[in-house]
């Protein structure tokens, strides 16, 4: 079941009434996990550039699209390697500042997952 996202503000995101104070990943089956941002931070020194290793962690077999909330003002980007990985898997990726990504997530249907950065 795809959970509905209620709201976000700098440093938090609320999903189905539960507030998280860290970046989250929503899996195909609706499970909410803490983002493994160290996979990118170890490579680039920042979690604002998604590495191939983090892309591999985000991806699930059968996924059609990933919505990425790039932060309140849109700082997060995909590395070229991550972009190539998703393209090779025929997985679409949509990046929006987190408030807009939430709107997109709540309206989109299909086999989708999402990652939301909640600061910057």
C-alpha atoms as a PDB file:
ATOM      1  CA  UNK A   1       0.000   0.000   0.000  1.00  0.00           C
ATOM      2  CA  UNK A   2       1.342   3.406  -0.993  1.00  0.00           C
ATOM      3  CA  UNK A   3       1.342   5.679   2.076  1.00  0.00           C
ATOM      4  CA  UNK A   4       0.067   9.238   1.774  1.00  0.00           C
ATOM      5  CA  UNK A   5       2.465  11.983   2.739  1.00  0.00           C
ATOM      6  CA  UNK A   6       0.787  14.621   4.872  1.00  0.00           C
ATOM      7  CA  UNK A   7       3.373  17.413   4.949  1.00  0.00           C
ATOM      8  CA  UNK A   8       6.989  18.484   5.212  1.00  0.00           C
ATOM      9  CA  UNK A   9       8.901  21.320   6.779  1.00  0.00           C
ATOM     10  CA  UNK A  10      12.624  21.925   7.152  1.00  0.00           C
ATOM     11  CA  UNK A  11      13.919  18.891   9.053  1.00  0.00           C
ATOM     12  CA  UNK A  12      10.790  16.729   9.060  1.00  0.00           C
ATOM     13  CA  UNK A  13       8.305  14.830   6.929  1.00  0.00           C
ATOM     14  CA  UNK A  14       4.945  13.458   8.065  1.00  0.00           C
ATOM     15  CA  UNK A  15       3.584  10.263   6.499  1.00  0.00           C
ATOM     16  CA  UNK A  16       0.169   8.872   7.463  1.00  0.00           C
ATOM     17  CA  UNK A  17       0.311  10.927  10.682  1.00  0.00           C
ATOM     18  CA  UNK A  18       3.821   9.787  11.701  1.00  0.00           C
ATOM     19  CA  UNK A  19       6.573  12.411  11.693  1.00  0.00           C
ATOM     20  CA  UNK A  20      10.151  11.512  10.744  1.00  0.00           C
ATOM     21  CA  UNK A  21      13.110  13.789  11.467  1.00  0.00           C
ATOM     22  CA  UNK A  22      15.424  12.146   8.931  1.00  0.00           C
ATOM     23  CA  UNK A  23      15.509  11.487   5.187  1.00  0.00           C
ATOM     24  CA  UNK A  24      13.280   8.592   4.197  1.00  0.00           C
ATOM     25  CA  UNK A  25      12.971   5.993   1.471  1.00  0.00           C
ATOM     26  CA  UNK A  26       9.530   4.591   0.662  1.00  0.00           C
ATOM     27  CA  UNK A  27       9.723   1.094  -0.812  1.00  0.00           C
ATOM     28  CA  UNK A  28       7.418  -0.437  -3.418  1.00  0.00           C
ATOM     29  CA  UNK A  29       5.456  -2.224  -0.696  1.00  0.00           C
ATOM     30  CA  UNK A  30       4.969   1.024   1.263  1.00  0.00           C
ATOM     31  CA  UNK A  31       7.588   0.343   3.947  1.00  0.00           C
ATOM     32  CA  UNK A  32       9.361   3.460   5.172  1.00  0.00           C
ATOM     33  CA  UNK A  33      13.090   3.204   5.806  1.00  0.00           C
ATOM     34  CA  UNK A  34      15.748   5.650   6.880  1.00  0.00           C
ATOM     35  CA  UNK A  35      17.754   6.802   3.863  1.00  0.00           C
ATOM     36  CA  UNK A  36      21.225   5.232   3.667  1.00  0.00           C
ATOM     37  CA  UNK A  37      22.823   8.595   2.866  1.00  0.00           C
ATOM     38  CA  UNK A  38      26.254   7.517   4.098  1.00  0.00           C
ATOM     39  CA  UNK A  39      26.533   5.514   0.865  1.00  0.00           C
ATOM     40  CA  UNK A  40      26.759   8.851  -0.944  1.00  0.00           C
ATOM     41  CA  UNK A  41      28.485  10.840   1.789  1.00  0.00           C
ATOM     42  CA  UNK A  42      31.407   8.381   1.908  1.00  0.00           C
ATOM     43  CA  UNK A  43      32.032   8.893  -1.817  1.00  0.00           C
ATOM     44  CA  UNK A  44      31.331  12.611  -2.282  1.00  0.00           C
ATOM     45  CA  UNK A  45      31.612  14.065   1.219  1.00  0.00           C
ATOM     46  CA  UNK A  46      27.969  15.128   0.988  1.00  0.00           C
ATOM     47  CA  UNK A  47      24.562  13.502   0.872  1.00  0.00           C
ATOM     48  CA  UNK A  48      23.484  16.045  -1.750  1.00  0.00           C
ATOM     49  CA  UNK A  49      24.829  13.925  -4.620  1.00  0.00           C
ATOM     50  CA  UNK A  50      23.379  10.422  -4.934  1.00  0.00           C
ATOM     51  CA  UNK A  51      26.102   7.861  -5.630  1.00  0.00           C
ATOM     52  CA  UNK A  52      25.881   4.661  -7.638  1.00  0.00           C
ATOM     53  CA  UNK A  53      26.011   2.715  -4.361  1.00  0.00           C
ATOM     54  CA  UNK A  54      23.026   4.591  -2.970  1.00  0.00           C
ATOM     55  CA  UNK A  55      21.159   4.237  -6.289  1.00  0.00           C
ATOM     56  CA  UNK A  56      21.665   0.461  -6.080  1.00  0.00           C
ATOM     57  CA  UNK A  57      20.238   0.547  -2.532  1.00  0.00           C
ATOM     58  CA  UNK A  58      17.211   2.587  -3.644  1.00  0.00           C
ATOM     59  CA  UNK A  59      16.379   0.417  -6.665  1.00  0.00           C
ATOM     60  CA  UNK A  60      14.068  -2.609  -6.414  1.00  0.00           C
ATOM     61  CA  UNK A  61      13.321  -5.106  -9.172  1.00  0.00           C
ATOM     62  CA  UNK A  62      10.102  -4.216 -10.978  1.00  0.00           C
ATOM     63  CA  UNK A  63      10.139  -0.546 -10.078  1.00  0.00           C
ATOM     64  CA  UNK A  64       8.957   1.766 -12.862  1.00  0.00           C
ATOM     65  CA  UNK A  65       9.693   5.162 -11.366  1.00  0.00           C
ATOM     66  CA  UNK A  66      11.400   6.804  -8.427  1.00  0.00           C
ATOM     67  CA  UNK A  67      10.350  10.190  -7.093  1.00  0.00           C
ATOM     68  CA  UNK A  68      13.209  12.049  -5.405  1.00  0.00           C
ATOM     69  CA  UNK A  69      12.530  14.950  -3.085  1.00  0.00           C
ATOM     70  CA  UNK A  70      15.686  17.014  -3.469  1.00  0.00           C
ATOM     71  CA  UNK A  71      15.308  19.003  -0.247  1.00  0.00           C
ATOM     72  CA  UNK A  72      13.264  22.017   0.721  1.00  0.00           C
ATOM     73  CA  UNK A  73      15.171  24.188  -1.786  1.00  0.00           C
ATOM     74  CA  UNK A  74      16.328  21.456  -4.176  1.00  0.00           C
ATOM     75  CA  UNK A  75      20.003  20.710  -3.391  1.00  0.00           C
ATOM     76  CA  UNK A  76      20.113  16.937  -4.055  1.00  0.00           C
ATOM     77  CA  UNK A  77      21.279  15.729  -7.482  1.00  0.00           C
ATOM     78  CA  UNK A  78      22.000  12.369  -9.097  1.00  0.00           C
ATOM     79  CA  UNK A  79      25.585  11.507  -9.952  1.00  0.00           C
ATOM     80  CA  UNK A  80      26.187  10.542 -13.578  1.00  0.00           C
ATOM     81  CA  UNK A  81      26.759   6.946 -12.440  1.00  0.00           C
ATOM     82  CA  UNK A  82      23.437   6.867 -10.577  1.00  0.00           C
ATOM     83  CA  UNK A  83      21.625   8.378 -13.553  1.00  0.00           C
ATOM     84  CA  UNK A  84      23.192   5.773 -15.892  1.00  0.00           C
ATOM     85  CA  UNK A  85      22.258   2.982 -13.465  1.00  0.00           C
ATOM     86  CA  UNK A  86      18.575   3.964 -13.405  1.00  0.00           C
ATOM     87  CA  UNK A  87      18.536   4.412 -17.187  1.00  0.00           C
ATOM     88  CA  UNK A  88      20.036   0.948 -17.616  1.00  0.00           C
ATOM     89  CA  UNK A  89      17.295  -0.489 -15.408  1.00  0.00           C
ATOM     90  CA  UNK A  90      14.636   1.360 -17.462  1.00  0.00           C
ATOM     91  CA  UNK A  91      13.569   3.103 -14.279  1.00  0.00           C
ATOM     92  CA  UNK A  92      12.343   6.665 -14.613  1.00  0.00           C
ATOM     93  CA  UNK A  93      13.479   9.206 -12.053  1.00  0.00           C
ATOM     94  CA  UNK A  94      11.721  12.468 -11.260  1.00  0.00           C
ATOM     95  CA  UNK A  95      13.511  15.039  -9.103  1.00  0.00           C
ATOM     96  CA  UNK A  96      11.635  17.919  -7.464  1.00  0.00           C
ATOM     97  CA  UNK A  97      12.149  20.061  -4.372  1.00  0.00           C
ATOM     98  CA  UNK A  98      10.639  18.019  -1.550  1.00  0.00           C
ATOM     99  CA  UNK A  99       7.366  19.982  -1.180  1.00  0.00           C
ATOM    100  CA  UNK A 100       6.629  19.458  -4.898  1.00  0.00           C
ATOM    101  CA  UNK A 101       7.854  15.855  -4.814  1.00  0.00           C
ATOM    102  CA  UNK A 102       5.294  15.147  -2.097  1.00  0.00           C
ATOM    103  CA  UNK A 103       2.491  16.449  -4.319  1.00  0.00           C
ATOM    104  CA  UNK A 104       3.756  14.276  -7.180  1.00  0.00           C
ATOM    105  CA  UNK A 105       4.053  11.222  -4.899  1.00  0.00           C
ATOM    106  CA  UNK A 106       0.510  11.609  -3.616  1.00  0.00           C
ATOM    107  CA  UNK A 107      -0.923  11.754  -7.159  1.00  0.00           C
ATOM    108  CA  UNK A 108       1.231   9.212  -9.041  1.00  0.00           C
ATOM    109  CA  UNK A 109       0.130   5.621  -9.555  1.00  0.00           C
ATOM    110  CA  UNK A 110       1.983   2.491 -10.569  1.00  0.00           C
ATOM    111  CA  UNK A 111       5.104   0.727  -9.337  1.00  0.00           C
ATOM    112  CA  UNK A 112       6.839   3.673  -7.719  1.00  0.00           C
ATOM    113  CA  UNK A 113       9.073   4.341  -4.761  1.00  0.00           C
ATOM    114  CA  UNK A 114      10.478   7.559  -3.366  1.00  0.00           C
ATOM    115  CA  UNK A 115      13.334   9.153  -1.513  1.00  0.00           C
ATOM    116  CA  UNK A 116      12.848  12.399   0.392  1.00  0.00           C
ATOM    117  CA  UNK A 117      15.611  14.714   1.618  1.00  0.00           C
ATOM    118  CA  UNK A 118      14.070  16.904   4.305  1.00  0.00           C
ATOM    119  CA  UNK A 119      16.588  19.707   4.791  1.00  0.00           C
ATOM    120  CA  UNK A 120      18.370  22.107   2.406  1.00  0.00           C
END
